[in-house]
């Protein structure tokens, strides 16, 4: 059925959209969806809490550099 639980791949942007999206993903996870989040390894806000599977990829800058530029 179209409403059945399924798999969801999420590639979020760092910032306030992640904070909102994280709440939606938590609800979807409780309803049985399998969630995979892919994020850069030097992110400011994106974390693995409450996520079924969390994968990172390397980027050419460090978290400290990103925070300094923001």
C-alpha atoms as a PDB file:
ATOM      1  CA  UNK A   1       0.000   0.000   0.000  1.00  0.00           C
ATOM      2  CA  UNK A   2       1.210   3.588  -0.570  1.00  0.00           C
ATOM      3  CA  UNK A   3       1.086   4.242   3.177  1.00  0.00           C
ATOM      4  CA  UNK A   4       3.247   1.265   4.116  1.00  0.00           C
ATOM      5  CA  UNK A   5       6.530   1.906   5.887  1.00  0.00           C
ATOM      6  CA  UNK A   6       9.568   2.003   3.664  1.00  0.00           C
ATOM      7  CA  UNK A   7      13.119   3.178   3.302  1.00  0.00           C
ATOM      8  CA  UNK A   8      14.069   6.845   3.300  1.00  0.00           C
ATOM      9  CA  UNK A   9      17.414   8.323   2.226  1.00  0.00           C
ATOM     10  CA  UNK A  10      18.067  11.808   3.630  1.00  0.00           C
ATOM     11  CA  UNK A  11      20.879  14.141   2.555  1.00  0.00           C
ATOM     12  CA  UNK A  12      20.249  17.214   4.737  1.00  0.00           C
ATOM     13  CA  UNK A  13      21.707  20.705   4.621  1.00  0.00           C
ATOM     14  CA  UNK A  14      23.362  21.930   7.798  1.00  0.00           C
ATOM     15  CA  UNK A  15      21.405  24.598   9.619  1.00  0.00           C
ATOM     16  CA  UNK A  16      17.881  25.213  10.796  1.00  0.00           C
ATOM     17  CA  UNK A  17      16.284  22.906   8.199  1.00  0.00           C
ATOM     18  CA  UNK A  18      18.004  19.982   9.907  1.00  0.00           C
ATOM     19  CA  UNK A  19      16.480  20.890  13.262  1.00  0.00           C
ATOM     20  CA  UNK A  20      12.986  20.788  11.738  1.00  0.00           C
ATOM     21  CA  UNK A  21      13.690  17.728   9.613  1.00  0.00           C
ATOM     22  CA  UNK A  22      15.040  15.793  12.604  1.00  0.00           C
ATOM     23  CA  UNK A  23      11.621  15.954  14.297  1.00  0.00           C
ATOM     24  CA  UNK A  24       9.874  14.688  11.157  1.00  0.00           C
ATOM     25  CA  UNK A  25      12.374  11.838  10.813  1.00  0.00           C
ATOM     26  CA  UNK A  26      11.797  10.817  14.437  1.00  0.00           C
ATOM     27  CA  UNK A  27       8.058  10.486  13.785  1.00  0.00           C
ATOM     28  CA  UNK A  28       8.622   8.557  10.555  1.00  0.00           C
ATOM     29  CA  UNK A  29      11.025   6.230  12.346  1.00  0.00           C
ATOM     30  CA  UNK A  30       8.413   5.503  15.037  1.00  0.00           C
ATOM     31  CA  UNK A  31       5.956   4.606  12.257  1.00  0.00           C
ATOM     32  CA  UNK A  32       8.329   1.957  10.950  1.00  0.00           C
ATOM     33  CA  UNK A  33      10.296   3.729   8.233  1.00  0.00           C
ATOM     34  CA  UNK A  34      13.963   2.805   7.891  1.00  0.00           C
ATOM     35  CA  UNK A  35      15.981   6.039   7.683  1.00  0.00           C
ATOM     36  CA  UNK A  36      19.509   6.524   6.361  1.00  0.00           C
ATOM     37  CA  UNK A  37      21.100   9.970   6.747  1.00  0.00           C
ATOM     38  CA  UNK A  38      24.205  10.915   4.760  1.00  0.00           C
ATOM     39  CA  UNK A  39      26.088  13.994   6.003  1.00  0.00           C
ATOM     40  CA  UNK A  40      29.547  15.576   5.762  1.00  0.00           C
ATOM     41  CA  UNK A  41      31.947  14.590   8.540  1.00  0.00           C
ATOM     42  CA  UNK A  42      32.452  18.227   9.568  1.00  0.00           C
ATOM     43  CA  UNK A  43      28.882  19.298  10.223  1.00  0.00           C
ATOM     44  CA  UNK A  44      27.773  21.822  12.823  1.00  0.00           C
ATOM     45  CA  UNK A  45      24.293  20.550  13.701  1.00  0.00           C
ATOM     46  CA  UNK A  46      23.618  17.237  11.986  1.00  0.00           C
ATOM     47  CA  UNK A  47      23.979  14.325  14.392  1.00  0.00           C
ATOM     48  CA  UNK A  48      23.108  10.663  14.536  1.00  0.00           C
ATOM     49  CA  UNK A  49      20.763  10.720  17.529  1.00  0.00           C
ATOM     50  CA  UNK A  50      17.493   8.955  16.806  1.00  0.00           C
ATOM     51  CA  UNK A  51      18.584   7.902  13.307  1.00  0.00           C
ATOM     52  CA  UNK A  52      18.545   4.264  12.184  1.00  0.00           C
ATOM     53  CA  UNK A  53      21.689   4.588  10.080  1.00  0.00           C
ATOM     54  CA  UNK A  54      24.048   7.573   9.857  1.00  0.00           C
ATOM     55  CA  UNK A  55      26.829   7.727   7.264  1.00  0.00           C
ATOM     56  CA  UNK A  56      29.394  10.458   6.746  1.00  0.00           C
ATOM     57  CA  UNK A  57      31.600  11.477   3.871  1.00  0.00           C
ATOM     58  CA  UNK A  58      34.797  13.481   4.101  1.00  0.00           C
ATOM     59  CA  UNK A  59      35.036  17.103   3.005  1.00  0.00           C
ATOM     60  CA  UNK A  60      38.146  19.286   2.510  1.00  0.00           C
ATOM     61  CA  UNK A  61      37.516  21.508   5.548  1.00  0.00           C
ATOM     62  CA  UNK A  62      37.210  21.060   9.304  1.00  0.00           C
ATOM     63  CA  UNK A  63      34.240  21.819  11.533  1.00  0.00           C
ATOM     64  CA  UNK A  64      36.168  24.658  13.196  1.00  0.00           C
ATOM     65  CA  UNK A  65      36.814  26.339   9.824  1.00  0.00           C
ATOM     66  CA  UNK A  66      33.139  26.109   8.933  1.00  0.00           C
ATOM     67  CA  UNK A  67      32.048  27.568  12.278  1.00  0.00           C
ATOM     68  CA  UNK A  68      34.552  30.414  11.856  1.00  0.00           C
ATOM     69  CA  UNK A  69      33.186  31.281   8.412  1.00  0.00           C
ATOM     70  CA  UNK A  70      29.596  31.217   9.578  1.00  0.00           C
END
